[in-house]
Structure formats: C-alpha cells, structure tokens
Amino acid sequence: MRAVNLNRGTVLAERVEEARTFWSRLVGLLGRRELPEGHALLIVPCSSVHTMFMGFAIDVAFLDRDGRVLRAFARVPPFRLLAGGRGAYMALELPAGTLVRTDTRPGDFLQLLP
C-alpha cells in the first residue's frame, strides 16, 4: 500500500505495512533498528501511540476515518507518549523527516492506495 498526500501531491510512503490485530498494534515498530525511507506503519484503530524502548525517532500523523490529518508530530524521540485527539482513528508512523519533506500538516487528506 502507498500513502499519498492529496493536498500537496506528495508521496509519504511507497510501502505501508498495516497493524490491525491486537498483537501487531501492541508491538508496532518495537524491535526494529530503523524505519527505512519510503516505508510506514499504519495502525488501525489507534488514537494514541508511544515510542517507549524504540531506538530511533519517527514522525506520526493521526488520521480520522476519512484520512484527514488531525495531528502531526515530527521527529518524535524515544520514550514519548502521543495522543491523536478527538476523532483520531488511525496513526501513520513514518521515518523522521517525512512530514517536513512532504509538507504534511493537519487538515491535509491522505489517501492509501493499493
């Protein structure tokens, strides 16, 4: 799956992995050394995430059911807790710097394409 910012015409990730089961959502990116450029993890359902025990920073975009970005956090270091706020339905975890590079911000619409 691919993540595209419809407002900016930019590609956030060419390879989006989904975490939809309890276990895959719980584990998330834990145990990985990095999240390579062009990759992302989509966590559904999800209204909050943590970066506890992670060894690298990430970007996080919280989306509503329609794919609208509600909150966007750039370069989140390890050992942080983040909440998506009211209406957050999913979280897209990206390599640090992706949100700035693609100019993705709250209010933008992301489309997930097969």
PDB file of N, CA and C in Angstrom:
ATOM      1  N   MET A   1       0.853  -1.170   0.000  1.00  0.00           N
ATOM      2  CA  MET A   1       0.000   0.000   0.000  1.00  0.00           C
ATOM      3  C   MET A   1       0.902   1.238   0.000  1.00  0.00           C
ATOM      4  N   ARG A   2       0.377   2.311  -0.524  1.00  0.00           N
ATOM      5  CA  ARG A   2       1.107   3.567  -0.689  1.00  0.00           C
ATOM      6  C   ARG A   2       0.323   4.691  -0.023  1.00  0.00           C
ATOM      7  N   ALA A   3       1.013   5.657   0.605  1.00  0.00           N
ATOM      8  CA  ALA A   3       0.364   6.800   1.266  1.00  0.00           C
ATOM      9  C   ALA A   3       0.693   8.074   0.503  1.00  0.00           C
ATOM     10  N   VAL A   4      -0.375   8.768   0.055  1.00  0.00           N
ATOM     11  CA  VAL A   4      -0.218   9.975  -0.755  1.00  0.00           C
ATOM     12  C   VAL A   4      -0.964  11.131  -0.091  1.00  0.00           C
ATOM     13  N   ASN A   5      -0.319  12.288  -0.035  1.00  0.00           N
ATOM     14  CA  ASN A   5      -0.957  13.498   0.462  1.00  0.00           C
ATOM     15  C   ASN A   5      -1.672  14.158  -0.720  1.00  0.00           C
ATOM     16  N   LEU A   6      -2.999  14.128  -0.705  1.00  0.00           N
ATOM     17  CA  LEU A   6      -3.782  14.657  -1.821  1.00  0.00           C
ATOM     18  C   LEU A   6      -3.684  16.177  -1.930  1.00  0.00           C
ATOM     19  N   ASN A   7      -3.526  16.872  -0.809  1.00  0.00           N
ATOM     20  CA  ASN A   7      -3.437  18.330  -0.829  1.00  0.00           C
ATOM     21  C   ASN A   7      -2.135  18.830  -1.439  1.00  0.00           C
ATOM     22  N   ARG A   8      -1.057  18.133  -1.166  1.00  0.00           N
ATOM     23  CA  ARG A   8       0.268  18.588  -1.600  1.00  0.00           C
ATOM     24  C   ARG A   8       0.783  17.840  -2.827  1.00  0.00           C
ATOM     25  N   GLY A   9       0.140  16.721  -3.174  1.00  0.00           N
ATOM     26  CA  GLY A   9       0.602  15.920  -4.302  1.00  0.00           C
ATOM     27  C   GLY A   9       1.922  15.223  -4.026  1.00  0.00           C
ATOM     28  N   THR A  10       2.160  14.871  -2.759  1.00  0.00           N
ATOM     29  CA  THR A  10       3.411  14.226  -2.382  1.00  0.00           C
ATOM     30  C   THR A  10       3.154  12.802  -1.890  1.00  0.00           C
ATOM     31  N   VAL A  11       4.165  11.967  -2.042  1.00  0.00           N
ATOM     32  CA  VAL A  11       4.097  10.578  -1.574  1.00  0.00           C
ATOM     33  C   VAL A  11       4.833  10.498  -0.247  1.00  0.00           C
ATOM     34  N   LEU A  12       4.117  10.060   0.793  1.00  0.00           N
ATOM     35  CA  LEU A  12       4.735   9.899   2.102  1.00  0.00           C
ATOM     36  C   LEU A  12       5.449   8.564   2.215  1.00  0.00           C
ATOM     37  N   ALA A  13       4.853   7.519   1.643  1.00  0.00           N
ATOM     38  CA  ALA A  13       5.454   6.183   1.709  1.00  0.00           C
ATOM     39  C   ALA A  13       5.001   5.345   0.530  1.00  0.00           C
ATOM     40  N   GLU A  14       5.936   4.605  -0.018  1.00  0.00           N
ATOM     41  CA  GLU A  14       5.639   3.672  -1.105  1.00  0.00           C
ATOM     42  C   GLU A  14       5.229   2.304  -0.573  1.00  0.00           C
ATOM     43  N   ARG A  15       5.639   2.014   0.650  1.00  0.00           N
ATOM     44  CA  ARG A  15       5.340   0.706   1.246  1.00  0.00           C
ATOM     45  C   ARG A  15       4.774   0.905   2.653  1.00  0.00           C
ATOM     46  N   VAL A  16       3.465   0.769   2.772  1.00  0.00           N
ATOM     47  CA  VAL A  16       2.787   0.926   4.059  1.00  0.00           C
ATOM     48  C   VAL A  16       2.375  -0.449   4.569  1.00  0.00           C
ATOM     49  N   GLU A  17       2.899  -0.782   5.723  1.00  0.00           N
ATOM     50  CA  GLU A  17       2.547  -2.033   6.402  1.00  0.00           C
ATOM     51  C   GLU A  17       1.387  -1.718   7.346  1.00  0.00           C
ATOM     52  N   GLU A  18       0.443  -2.631   7.472  1.00  0.00           N
ATOM     53  CA  GLU A  18      -0.704  -2.411   8.349  1.00  0.00           C
ATOM     54  C   GLU A  18      -0.580  -3.213   9.631  1.00  0.00           C
ATOM     55  N   ALA A  19      -0.993  -2.595  10.733  1.00  0.00           N
ATOM     56  CA  ALA A  19      -1.079  -3.260  12.031  1.00  0.00           C
ATOM     57  C   ALA A  19      -2.538  -3.149  12.464  1.00  0.00           C
ATOM     58  N   ARG A  20      -3.282  -4.237  12.293  1.00  0.00           N
ATOM     59  CA  ARG A  20      -4.717  -4.227  12.596  1.00  0.00           C
ATOM     60  C   ARG A  20      -5.111  -5.198  13.708  1.00  0.00           C
ATOM     61  N   THR A  21      -4.224  -6.133  14.036  1.00  0.00           N
ATOM     62  CA  THR A  21      -4.544  -7.072  15.107  1.00  0.00           C
ATOM     63  C   THR A  21      -4.033  -6.514  16.435  1.00  0.00           C
ATOM     64  N   PHE A  22      -4.558  -7.039  17.524  1.00  0.00           N
ATOM     65  CA  PHE A  22      -4.124  -6.576  18.848  1.00  0.00           C
ATOM     66  C   PHE A  22      -2.608  -6.697  18.975  1.00  0.00           C
ATOM     67  N   TRP A  23      -2.069  -7.857  18.625  1.00  0.00           N
ATOM     68  CA  TRP A  23      -0.640  -8.085  18.784  1.00  0.00           C
ATOM     69  C   TRP A  23       0.195  -7.162  17.897  1.00  0.00           C
ATOM     70  N   SER A  24      -0.163  -7.037  16.631  1.00  0.00           N
ATOM     71  CA  SER A  24       0.631  -6.193  15.724  1.00  0.00           C
ATOM     72  C   SER A  24       0.560  -4.720  16.128  1.00  0.00           C
ATOM     73  N   ARG A  25      -0.581  -4.294  16.661  1.00  0.00           N
ATOM     74  CA  ARG A  25      -0.696  -2.907  17.149  1.00  0.00           C
ATOM     75  C   ARG A  25       0.142  -2.709  18.409  1.00  0.00           C
ATOM     76  N   LEU A  26       0.150  -3.718  19.279  1.00  0.00           N
ATOM     77  CA  LEU A  26       0.909  -3.630  20.520  1.00  0.00           C
ATOM     78  C   LEU A  26       2.406  -3.547  20.242  1.00  0.00           C
ATOM     79  N   VAL A  27       2.900  -4.383  19.348  1.00  0.00           N
ATOM     80  CA  VAL A  27       4.326  -4.438  19.046  1.00  0.00           C
ATOM     81  C   VAL A  27       4.761  -3.249  18.185  1.00  0.00           C
ATOM     82  N   GLY A  28       3.974  -2.907  17.188  1.00  0.00           N
ATOM     83  CA  GLY A  28       4.301  -1.762  16.330  1.00  0.00           C
ATOM     84  C   GLY A  28       5.702  -1.853  15.749  1.00  0.00           C
ATOM     85  N   LEU A  29       6.510  -0.836  16.008  1.00  0.00           N
ATOM     86  CA  LEU A  29       7.875  -0.791  15.475  1.00  0.00           C
ATOM     87  C   LEU A  29       8.919  -1.272  16.477  1.00  0.00           C
ATOM     88  N   LEU A  30       8.482  -1.747  17.637  1.00  0.00           N
ATOM     89  CA  LEU A  30       9.432  -2.218  18.641  1.00  0.00           C
ATOM     90  C   LEU A  30      10.290  -3.342  18.088  1.00  0.00           C
ATOM     91  N   GLY A  31      11.561  -3.322  18.430  1.00  0.00           N
ATOM     92  CA  GLY A  31      12.484  -4.356  17.994  1.00  0.00           C
ATOM     93  C   GLY A  31      13.134  -4.082  16.647  1.00  0.00           C
ATOM     94  N   ARG A  32      12.714  -3.025  15.985  1.00  0.00           N
ATOM     95  CA  ARG A  32      13.328  -2.686  14.696  1.00  0.00           C
ATOM     96  C   ARG A  32      14.460  -1.690  14.921  1.00  0.00           C
ATOM     97  N   ARG A  33      15.442  -1.751  14.049  1.00  0.00           N
ATOM     98  CA  ARG A  33      16.574  -0.829  14.154  1.00  0.00           C
ATOM     99  C   ARG A  33      16.293   0.510  13.489  1.00  0.00           C
ATOM    100  N   GLU A  34      15.382   0.470  12.517  1.00  0.00           N
ATOM    101  CA  GLU A  34      15.041   1.697  11.783  1.00  0.00           C
ATOM    102  C   GLU A  34      13.744   1.479  11.029  1.00  0.00           C
ATOM    103  N   LEU A  35      13.195   2.568  10.554  1.00  0.00           N
ATOM    104  CA  LEU A  35      12.076   2.540   9.621  1.00  0.00           C
ATOM    105  C   LEU A  35      12.639   3.152   8.343  1.00  0.00           C
ATOM    106  N   PRO A  36      12.907   2.328   7.337  1.00  0.00           N
ATOM    107  CA  PRO A  36      13.575   2.834   6.132  1.00  0.00           C
ATOM    108  C   PRO A  36      12.766   3.927   5.413  1.00  0.00           C
ATOM    109  N   GLU A  37      13.468   4.786   4.743  1.00  0.00           N
ATOM    110  CA  GLU A  37      12.840   5.824   3.924  1.00  0.00           C
ATOM    111  C   GLU A  37      11.876   5.162   2.947  1.00  0.00           C
ATOM    112  N   GLY A  38      10.684   5.729   2.793  1.00  0.00           N
ATOM    113  CA  GLY A  38       9.692   5.180   1.878  1.00  0.00           C
ATOM    114  C   GLY A  38       8.785   4.142   2.493  1.00  0.00           C
ATOM    115  N   HIS A  39       9.033   3.782   3.759  1.00  0.00           N
ATOM    116  CA  HIS A  39       8.217   2.799   4.463  1.00  0.00           C
ATOM    117  C   HIS A  39       7.388   3.501   5.533  1.00  0.00           C
ATOM    118  N   ALA A  40       6.308   2.846   5.974  1.00  0.00           N
ATOM    119  CA  ALA A  40       5.462   3.383   7.039  1.00  0.00           C
ATOM    120  C   ALA A  40       4.707   2.235   7.693  1.00  0.00           C
ATOM    121  N   LEU A  41       4.202   2.513   8.890  1.00  0.00           N
ATOM    122  CA  LEU A  41       3.340   1.566   9.591  1.00  0.00           C
ATOM    123  C   LEU A  41       2.022   2.267   9.876  1.00  0.00           C
ATOM    124  N   LEU A  42       0.921   1.691   9.397  1.00  0.00           N
ATOM    125  CA  LEU A  42      -0.416   2.217   9.636  1.00  0.00           C
ATOM    126  C   LEU A  42      -1.055   1.379  10.743  1.00  0.00           C
ATOM    127  N   ILE A  43      -1.416   2.018  11.842  1.00  0.00           N
ATOM    128  CA  ILE A  43      -2.009   1.331  12.990  1.00  0.00           C
ATOM    129  C   ILE A  43      -3.491   1.683  13.040  1.00  0.00           C
ATOM    130  N   VAL A  44      -4.349   0.647  12.950  1.00  0.00           N
ATOM    131  CA  VAL A  44      -5.802   0.835  12.891  1.00  0.00           C
ATOM    132  C   VAL A  44      -6.476  -0.202  13.777  1.00  0.00           C
ATOM    133  N   PRO A  45      -7.386   0.156  14.656  1.00  0.00           N
ATOM    134  CA  PRO A  45      -7.685   1.503  15.119  1.00  0.00           C
ATOM    135  C   PRO A  45      -6.597   1.978  16.068  1.00  0.00           C
ATOM    136  N   CYS A  46      -6.469   3.292  16.187  1.00  0.00           N
ATOM    137  CA  CYS A  46      -5.413   3.851  17.029  1.00  0.00           C
ATOM    138  C   CYS A  46      -5.668   5.328  17.300  1.00  0.00           C
ATOM    139  N   SER A  47      -5.713   5.689  18.570  1.00  0.00           N
ATOM    140  CA  SER A  47      -5.873   7.098  18.927  1.00  0.00           C
ATOM    141  C   SER A  47      -4.682   7.622  19.730  1.00  0.00           C
ATOM    142  N   SER A  48      -3.727   6.730  20.056  1.00  0.00           N
ATOM    143  CA  SER A  48      -2.512   7.161  20.751  1.00  0.00           C
ATOM    144  C   SER A  48      -1.392   6.168  20.455  1.00  0.00           C
ATOM    145  N   VAL A  49      -0.164   6.650  20.526  1.00  0.00           N
ATOM    146  CA  VAL A  49       0.997   5.792  20.317  1.00  0.00           C
ATOM    147  C   VAL A  49       2.070   6.145  21.339  1.00  0.00           C
ATOM    148  N   HIS A  50       3.039   5.259  21.474  1.00  0.00           N
ATOM    149  CA  HIS A  50       4.193   5.535  22.325  1.00  0.00           C
ATOM    150  C   HIS A  50       5.460   5.159  21.554  1.00  0.00           C
ATOM    151  N   THR A  51       6.556   5.737  21.978  1.00  0.00           N
ATOM    152  CA  THR A  51       7.851   5.386  21.394  1.00  0.00           C
ATOM    153  C   THR A  51       8.766   4.801  22.472  1.00  0.00           C
ATOM    154  N   MET A  52       8.175   4.174  23.479  1.00  0.00           N
ATOM    155  CA  MET A  52       8.950   3.576  24.556  1.00  0.00           C
ATOM    156  C   MET A  52       9.857   2.478  24.009  1.00  0.00           C
ATOM    157  N   PHE A  53      11.098   2.501  24.443  1.00  0.00           N
ATOM    158  CA  PHE A  53      12.101   1.481  24.114  1.00  0.00           C
ATOM    159  C   PHE A  53      12.453   1.414  22.632  1.00  0.00           C
ATOM    160  N   MET A  54      12.076   2.424  21.875  1.00  0.00           N
ATOM    161  CA  MET A  54      12.488   2.468  20.471  1.00  0.00           C
ATOM    162  C   MET A  54      13.880   3.086  20.395  1.00  0.00           C
ATOM    163  N   GLY A  55      14.631   2.728  19.379  1.00  0.00           N
ATOM    164  CA  GLY A  55      15.995   3.220  19.246  1.00  0.00           C
ATOM    165  C   GLY A  55      16.156   4.333  18.232  1.00  0.00           C
ATOM    166  N   PHE A  56      15.044   4.883  17.745  1.00  0.00           N
ATOM    167  CA  PHE A  56      15.128   5.921  16.724  1.00  0.00           C
ATOM    168  C   PHE A  56      13.880   6.801  16.781  1.00  0.00           C
ATOM    169  N   ALA A  57      13.986   8.005  16.235  1.00  0.00           N
ATOM    170  CA  ALA A  57      12.864   8.943  16.174  1.00  0.00           C
ATOM    171  C   ALA A  57      11.985   8.619  14.971  1.00  0.00           C
ATOM    172  N   ILE A  58      10.716   8.991  15.071  1.00  0.00           N
ATOM    173  CA  ILE A  58       9.764   8.791  13.972  1.00  0.00           C
ATOM    174  C   ILE A  58       8.879  10.022  13.842  1.00  0.00           C
ATOM    175  N   ASP A  59       8.202  10.127  12.711  1.00  0.00           N
ATOM    176  CA  ASP A  59       7.112  11.083  12.519  1.00  0.00           C
ATOM    177  C   ASP A  59       5.807  10.317  12.700  1.00  0.00           C
ATOM    178  N   VAL A  60       4.788  10.988  13.233  1.00  0.00           N
ATOM    179  CA  VAL A  60       3.488  10.349  13.425  1.00  0.00           C
ATOM    180  C   VAL A  60       2.387  11.299  12.959  1.00  0.00           C
ATOM    181  N   ALA A  61       1.483  10.779  12.132  1.00  0.00           N
ATOM    182  CA  ALA A  61       0.295  11.531  11.708  1.00  0.00           C
ATOM    183  C   ALA A  61      -0.930  10.756  12.170  1.00  0.00           C
ATOM    184  N   PHE A  62      -1.783  11.412  12.934  1.00  0.00           N
ATOM    185  CA  PHE A  62      -3.050  10.812  13.347  1.00  0.00           C
ATOM    186  C   PHE A  62      -4.122  11.233  12.353  1.00  0.00           C
ATOM    187  N   LEU A  63      -4.903  10.256  11.898  1.00  0.00           N
ATOM    188  CA  LEU A  63      -5.912  10.490  10.867  1.00  0.00           C
ATOM    189  C   LEU A  63      -7.299  10.115  11.378  1.00  0.00           C
ATOM    190  N   ASP A  64      -8.312  10.772  10.810  1.00  0.00           N
ATOM    191  CA  ASP A  64      -9.679  10.355  11.098  1.00  0.00           C
ATOM    192  C   ASP A  64     -10.069   9.257  10.112  1.00  0.00           C
ATOM    193  N   ARG A  65     -11.297   8.823  10.151  1.00  0.00           N
ATOM    194  CA  ARG A  65     -11.752   7.723   9.283  1.00  0.00           C
ATOM    195  C   ARG A  65     -11.691   8.074   7.795  1.00  0.00           C
ATOM    196  N   ASP A  66     -11.728   9.368   7.476  1.00  0.00           N
ATOM    197  CA  ASP A  66     -11.695   9.799   6.080  1.00  0.00           C
ATOM    198  C   ASP A  66     -10.276  10.044   5.561  1.00  0.00           C
ATOM    199  N   GLY A  67      -9.279   9.893   6.430  1.00  0.00           N
ATOM    200  CA  GLY A  67      -7.901  10.124   6.019  1.00  0.00           C
ATOM    201  C   GLY A  67      -7.416  11.545   6.226  1.00  0.00           C
ATOM    202  N   ARG A  68      -8.208  12.358   6.934  1.00  0.00           N
ATOM    203  CA  ARG A  68      -7.783  13.735   7.210  1.00  0.00           C
ATOM    204  C   ARG A  68      -6.794  13.740   8.369  1.00  0.00           C
ATOM    205  N   VAL A  69      -5.696  14.449   8.202  1.00  0.00           N
ATOM    206  CA  VAL A  69      -4.689  14.555   9.253  1.00  0.00           C
ATOM    207  C   VAL A  69      -5.242  15.449  10.363  1.00  0.00           C
ATOM    208  N   LEU A  70      -5.343  14.884  11.564  1.00  0.00           N
ATOM    209  CA  LEU A  70      -5.818  15.642  12.722  1.00  0.00           C
ATOM    210  C   LEU A  70      -4.662  16.269  13.490  1.00  0.00           C
ATOM    211  N   ARG A  71      -3.624  15.483  13.680  1.00  0.00           N
ATOM    212  CA  ARG A  71      -2.428  15.968  14.376  1.00  0.00           C
ATOM    213  C   ARG A  71      -1.219  15.360  13.695  1.00  0.00           C
ATOM    214  N   ALA A  72      -0.128  16.105  13.670  1.00  0.00           N
ATOM    215  CA  ALA A  72       1.111  15.634  13.053  1.00  0.00           C
ATOM    216  C   ALA A  72       2.278  15.972  13.973  1.00  0.00           C
ATOM    217  N   PHE A  73       3.094  14.972  14.257  1.00  0.00           N
ATOM    218  CA  PHE A  73       4.236  15.129  15.153  1.00  0.00           C
ATOM    219  C   PHE A  73       5.505  14.754  14.389  1.00  0.00           C
ATOM    220  N   ALA A  74       6.442  15.687  14.305  1.00  0.00           N
ATOM    221  CA  ALA A  74       7.687  15.455  13.573  1.00  0.00           C
ATOM    222  C   ALA A  74       8.821  15.104  14.532  1.00  0.00           C
ATOM    223  N   ARG A  75       9.640  14.168  14.091  1.00  0.00           N
ATOM    224  CA  ARG A  75      10.862  13.780  14.806  1.00  0.00           C
ATOM    225  C   ARG A  75      10.616  13.485  16.288  1.00  0.00           C
ATOM    226  N   VAL A  76       9.699  12.570  16.546  1.00  0.00           N
ATOM    227  CA  VAL A  76       9.366  12.185  17.919  1.00  0.00           C
ATOM    228  C   VAL A  76      10.460  11.250  18.432  1.00  0.00           C
ATOM    229  N   PRO A  77      11.160  11.655  19.497  1.00  0.00           N
ATOM    230  CA  PRO A  77      12.231  10.811  20.020  1.00  0.00           C
ATOM    231  C   PRO A  77      11.680   9.641  20.833  1.00  0.00           C
ATOM    232  N   PRO A  78      12.537   8.687  21.162  1.00  0.00           N
ATOM    233  CA  PRO A  78      12.104   7.565  22.003  1.00  0.00           C
ATOM    234  C   PRO A  78      11.578   8.040  23.356  1.00  0.00           C
ATOM    235  N   PHE A  79      10.758   7.198  23.964  1.00  0.00           N
ATOM    236  CA  PHE A  79      10.190   7.404  25.300  1.00  0.00           C
ATOM    237  C   PHE A  79       9.221   8.581  25.367  1.00  0.00           C
ATOM    238  N   ARG A  80       8.351   8.667  24.371  1.00  0.00           N
ATOM    239  CA  ARG A  80       7.302   9.698  24.357  1.00  0.00           C
ATOM    240  C   ARG A  80       5.942   9.034  24.201  1.00  0.00           C
ATOM    241  N   LEU A  81       4.907   9.709  24.687  1.00  0.00           N
ATOM    242  CA  LEU A  81       3.516   9.298  24.506  1.00  0.00           C
ATOM    243  C   LEU A  81       2.827  10.367  23.681  1.00  0.00           C
ATOM    244  N   LEU A  82       2.023   9.954  22.694  1.00  0.00           N
ATOM    245  CA  LEU A  82       1.319  10.901  21.834  1.00  0.00           C
ATOM    246  C   LEU A  82      -0.150  10.535  21.754  1.00  0.00           C
ATOM    247  N   ALA A  83      -1.005  11.541  21.759  1.00  0.00           N
ATOM    248  CA  ALA A  83      -2.443  11.321  21.610  1.00  0.00           C
ATOM    249  C   ALA A  83      -2.918  12.014  20.335  1.00  0.00           C
ATOM    250  N   GLY A  84      -3.775  11.315  19.621  1.00  0.00           N
ATOM    251  CA  GLY A  84      -4.291  11.845  18.360  1.00  0.00           C
ATOM    252  C   GLY A  84      -5.417  12.835  18.527  1.00  0.00           C
ATOM    253  N   GLY A  85      -6.034  12.847  19.695  1.00  0.00           N
ATOM    254  CA  GLY A  85      -7.129  13.776  19.949  1.00  0.00           C
ATOM    255  C   GLY A  85      -8.463  13.241  19.463  1.00  0.00           C
ATOM    256  N   ARG A  86      -9.455  14.069  19.627  1.00  0.00           N
ATOM    257  CA  ARG A  86     -10.825  13.699  19.277  1.00  0.00           C
ATOM    258  C   ARG A  86     -10.946  13.328  17.798  1.00  0.00           C
ATOM    259  N   GLY A  87     -11.537  12.181  17.536  1.00  0.00           N
ATOM    260  CA  GLY A  87     -11.770  11.745  16.165  1.00  0.00           C
ATOM    261  C   GLY A  87     -10.649  10.921  15.561  1.00  0.00           C
ATOM    262  N   ALA A  88      -9.529  10.783  16.286  1.00  0.00           N
ATOM    263  CA  ALA A  88      -8.417  10.003  15.739  1.00  0.00           C
ATOM    264  C   ALA A  88      -8.816   8.538  15.624  1.00  0.00           C
ATOM    265  N   TYR A  89      -8.614   7.980  14.449  1.00  0.00           N
ATOM    266  CA  TYR A  89      -8.987   6.592  14.186  1.00  0.00           C
ATOM    267  C   TYR A  89      -7.777   5.735  13.820  1.00  0.00           C
ATOM    268  N   MET A  90      -6.753   6.357  13.261  1.00  0.00           N
ATOM    269  CA  MET A  90      -5.561   5.615  12.879  1.00  0.00           C
ATOM    270  C   MET A  90      -4.328   6.500  12.996  1.00  0.00           C
ATOM    271  N   ALA A  91      -3.179   5.826  13.094  1.00  0.00           N
ATOM    272  CA  ALA A  91      -1.902   6.532  13.175  1.00  0.00           C
ATOM    273  C   ALA A  91      -0.992   6.005  12.076  1.00  0.00           C
ATOM    274  N   LEU A  92      -0.324   6.918  11.407  1.00  0.00           N
ATOM    275  CA  LEU A  92       0.648   6.556  10.376  1.00  0.00           C
ATOM    276  C   LEU A  92       2.022   6.934  10.916  1.00  0.00           C
ATOM    277  N   GLU A  93       2.845   5.912  11.158  1.00  0.00           N
ATOM    278  CA  GLU A  93       4.201   6.123  11.655  1.00  0.00           C
ATOM    279  C   GLU A  93       5.150   6.095  10.473  1.00  0.00           C
ATOM    280  N   LEU A  94       5.999   7.118  10.404  1.00  0.00           N
ATOM    281  CA  LEU A  94       6.868   7.346   9.245  1.00  0.00           C
ATOM    282  C   LEU A  94       8.304   7.610   9.683  1.00  0.00           C
ATOM    283  N   PRO A  95       9.264   7.460   8.777  1.00  0.00           N
ATOM    284  CA  PRO A  95      10.635   7.833   9.127  1.00  0.00           C
ATOM    285  C   PRO A  95      10.704   9.313   9.500  1.00  0.00           C
ATOM    286  N   ALA A  96      11.536   9.635  10.475  1.00  0.00           N
ATOM    287  CA  ALA A  96      11.705  11.023  10.906  1.00  0.00           C
ATOM    288  C   ALA A  96      12.087  11.891   9.716  1.00  0.00           C
ATOM    289  N   GLY A  97      11.420  13.020   9.578  1.00  0.00           N
ATOM    290  CA  GLY A  97      11.682  13.961   8.490  1.00  0.00           C
ATOM    291  C   GLY A  97      10.688  13.884   7.349  1.00  0.00           C
ATOM    292  N   THR A  98       9.864  12.843   7.315  1.00  0.00           N
ATOM    293  CA  THR A  98       8.908  12.664   6.219  1.00  0.00           C
ATOM    294  C   THR A  98       7.852  13.764   6.197  1.00  0.00           C
ATOM    295  N   LEU A  99       7.318  14.130   7.353  1.00  0.00           N
ATOM    296  CA  LEU A  99       6.259  15.151   7.386  1.00  0.00           C
ATOM    297  C   LEU A  99       6.771  16.500   6.890  1.00  0.00           C
ATOM    298  N   VAL A 100       7.978  16.862   7.279  1.00  0.00           N
ATOM    299  CA  VAL A 100       8.561  18.128   6.818  1.00  0.00           C
ATOM    300  C   VAL A 100       8.854  18.057   5.322  1.00  0.00           C
ATOM    301  N   ARG A 101       9.454  16.947   4.895  1.00  0.00           N
ATOM    302  CA  ARG A 101       9.804  16.791   3.471  1.00  0.00           C
ATOM    303  C   ARG A 101       8.593  16.878   2.565  1.00  0.00           C
ATOM    304  N   THR A 102       7.461  16.334   3.010  1.00  0.00           N
ATOM    305  CA  THR A 102       6.247  16.305   2.190  1.00  0.00           C
ATOM    306  C   THR A 102       5.296  17.454   2.508  1.00  0.00           C
ATOM    307  N   ASP A 103       5.682  18.295   3.460  1.00  0.00           N
ATOM    308  CA  ASP A 103       4.868  19.453   3.886  1.00  0.00           C
ATOM    309  C   ASP A 103       3.481  19.011   4.358  1.00  0.00           C
ATOM    310  N   THR A 104       3.413  17.858   5.011  1.00  0.00           N
ATOM    311  CA  THR A 104       2.145  17.329   5.511  1.00  0.00           C
ATOM    312  C   THR A 104       1.808  17.975   6.835  1.00  0.00           C
ATOM    313  N   ARG A 105       0.567  18.433   6.957  1.00  0.00           N
ATOM    314  CA  ARG A 105       0.139  19.138   8.173  1.00  0.00           C
ATOM    315  C   ARG A 105      -1.335  18.857   8.452  1.00  0.00           C
ATOM    316  N   PRO A 106      -1.799  19.187   9.662  1.00  0.00           N
ATOM    317  CA  PRO A 106      -3.219  18.979   9.988  1.00  0.00           C
ATOM    318  C   PRO A 106      -4.128  19.644   8.956  1.00  0.00           C
ATOM    319  N   GLY A 107      -5.191  18.920   8.610  1.00  0.00           N
ATOM    320  CA  GLY A 107      -6.132  19.400   7.603  1.00  0.00           C
ATOM    321  C   GLY A 107      -5.923  18.756   6.241  1.00  0.00           C
ATOM    322  N   ASP A 108      -4.708  18.259   5.987  1.00  0.00           N
ATOM    323  CA  ASP A 108      -4.437  17.574   4.725  1.00  0.00           C
ATOM    324  C   ASP A 108      -5.170  16.238   4.698  1.00  0.00           C
ATOM    325  N   PHE A 109      -5.451  15.748   3.498  1.00  0.00           N
ATOM    326  CA  PHE A 109      -6.070  14.444   3.327  1.00  0.00           C
ATOM    327  C   PHE A 109      -5.040  13.476   2.746  1.00  0.00           C
ATOM    328  N   LEU A 110      -4.928  12.322   3.391  1.00  0.00           N
ATOM    329  CA  LEU A 110      -4.036  11.274   2.902  1.00  0.00           C
ATOM    330  C   LEU A 110      -4.876  10.176   2.289  1.00  0.00           C
ATOM    331  N   GLN A 111      -4.397   9.641   1.200  1.00  0.00           N
ATOM    332  CA  GLN A 111      -5.069   8.522   0.553  1.00  0.00           C
ATOM    333  C   GLN A 111      -4.130   7.331   0.597  1.00  0.00           C
ATOM    334  N   LEU A 112      -4.696   6.177   0.957  1.00  0.00           N
ATOM    335  CA  LEU A 112      -3.939   4.942   0.991  1.00  0.00           C
ATOM    336  C   LEU A 112      -4.328   4.129  -0.225  1.00  0.00           C
ATOM    337  N   LEU A 113      -3.365   3.915  -1.108  1.00  0.00           N
ATOM    338  CA  LEU A 113      -3.621   3.236  -2.373  1.00  0.00           C
ATOM    339  C   LEU A 113      -2.991   1.856  -2.374  1.00  0.00           C
ATOM    340  N   PRO A 114      -3.675   0.873  -2.971  1.00  0.00           N
ATOM    341  CA  PRO A 114      -3.095  -0.478  -3.034  1.00  0.00           C
ATOM    342  C   PRO A 114      -1.826  -0.520  -3.873  1.00  0.00           C
TER     343      PRO A 114
END
